[in-house]
């Protein structure tokens, strides 16, 4: 971004951190929630809007991520990452 533009933000929300485990898969239902559309039944993520509003909403107990040769399971207080390259 250049110096004259602000980073994108949801209307009515400023930049903040939420102390909850969320995943990229939660972005789509969050955007739908912000624009007032229902999330389709096949969508697996959960809207982060209740968390963004500061309400006590249940969050995930663990999240899962995969990037290149890493698989990670993350909990509130710890994480486990496995590295695997089969071509070596």
Protein backbone atom coordinates (compact mmCIF):
# COMPACT_ATOMS: atom_id res chain seq x y z
CA UNK A 1 0.00 0.00 0.00
CA UNK A 2 1.17 3.50 -0.66
CA UNK A 3 1.38 6.17 2.03
CA UNK A 4 -1.97 7.74 1.05
CA UNK A 5 -4.10 4.64 1.39
CA UNK A 6 -5.23 2.90 4.54
CA UNK A 7 -5.18 -0.87 4.82
CA UNK A 8 -8.63 -2.37 4.11
CA UNK A 9 -10.88 -2.72 7.13
CA UNK A 10 -14.40 -3.84 7.85
CA UNK A 11 -16.86 -0.94 8.28
CA UNK A 12 -17.27 -0.12 11.95
CA UNK A 13 -14.15 -2.01 13.02
CA UNK A 14 -10.63 -0.75 13.55
CA UNK A 15 -7.47 -2.81 13.47
CA UNK A 16 -7.37 -5.18 16.42
CA UNK A 17 -6.32 -8.63 17.60
CA UNK A 18 -8.74 -11.21 18.84
CA UNK A 19 -7.52 -13.75 21.40
CA UNK A 20 -9.05 -16.70 19.59
CA UNK A 21 -7.90 -19.37 17.20
CA UNK A 22 -9.10 -18.56 13.68
CA UNK A 23 -8.13 -19.83 10.23
CA UNK A 24 -8.10 -18.56 6.65
CA UNK A 25 -11.20 -20.68 6.08
CA UNK A 26 -13.04 -18.26 8.42
CA UNK A 27 -12.51 -15.25 6.11
CA UNK A 28 -15.27 -16.07 3.62
CA UNK A 29 -18.08 -16.50 6.17
CA UNK A 30 -16.83 -13.37 7.96
CA UNK A 31 -17.04 -11.27 4.79
CA UNK A 32 -20.52 -12.65 4.06
CA UNK A 33 -21.60 -11.81 7.61
CA UNK A 34 -20.25 -8.25 7.31
CA UNK A 35 -22.26 -7.60 4.14
CA UNK A 36 -25.39 -9.20 5.60
CA UNK A 37 -25.50 -12.37 3.52
CA UNK A 38 -26.02 -15.86 4.92
CA UNK A 39 -23.21 -18.35 4.70
CA UNK A 40 -24.00 -21.28 2.35
CA UNK A 41 -24.44 -24.67 4.00
CA UNK A 42 -21.29 -26.09 2.35
CA UNK A 43 -18.99 -23.45 3.89
CA UNK A 44 -16.84 -24.94 6.64
CA UNK A 45 -15.46 -21.79 8.30
CA UNK A 46 -17.11 -19.67 10.97
CA UNK A 47 -17.71 -15.93 10.94
CA UNK A 48 -15.32 -13.95 13.12
CA UNK A 49 -17.79 -11.06 13.50
CA UNK A 50 -18.97 -12.13 17.00
CA UNK A 51 -15.32 -12.26 18.08
CA UNK A 52 -14.62 -8.91 16.41
CA UNK A 53 -17.53 -7.37 18.34
CA UNK A 54 -15.95 -8.56 21.58
CA UNK A 55 -18.76 -10.93 22.41
CA UNK A 56 -18.00 -14.13 24.21
CA UNK A 57 -18.30 -16.51 21.31
CA UNK A 58 -17.00 -20.01 21.32
CA UNK A 59 -13.79 -20.31 19.39
CA UNK A 60 -12.00 -23.33 18.07
CA UNK A 61 -9.98 -25.49 20.44
CA UNK A 62 -7.44 -26.25 17.70
CA UNK A 63 -6.58 -25.10 14.19
CA UNK A 64 -4.83 -26.95 11.40
CA UNK A 65 -2.53 -25.55 8.73
CA UNK A 66 -0.50 -26.93 5.85
CA UNK A 67 2.19 -25.00 4.00
CA UNK A 68 4.59 -26.60 1.54
CA UNK A 69 6.22 -29.38 3.60
CA UNK A 70 4.77 -28.46 7.00
CA UNK A 71 1.66 -29.57 8.83
CA UNK A 72 0.79 -27.71 12.01
CA UNK A 73 -1.76 -28.21 14.75
CA UNK A 74 -2.06 -25.20 17.02
CA UNK A 75 -3.78 -24.94 20.38
CA UNK A 76 -4.22 -21.84 22.58
CA UNK A 77 -1.05 -22.59 24.53
CA UNK A 78 1.08 -24.81 22.25
CA UNK A 79 1.62 -26.04 18.72
CA UNK A 80 3.01 -29.08 16.94
CA UNK A 81 4.62 -28.81 13.50
CA UNK A 82 5.79 -31.71 11.37
CA UNK A 83 8.22 -31.17 8.48
CA UNK A 84 8.27 -33.80 5.74
CA UNK A 85 10.09 -33.80 2.40
CA UNK A 86 9.75 -37.12 0.65
CA UNK A 87 11.90 -36.15 -2.35
CA UNK A 88 15.16 -36.11 -0.35
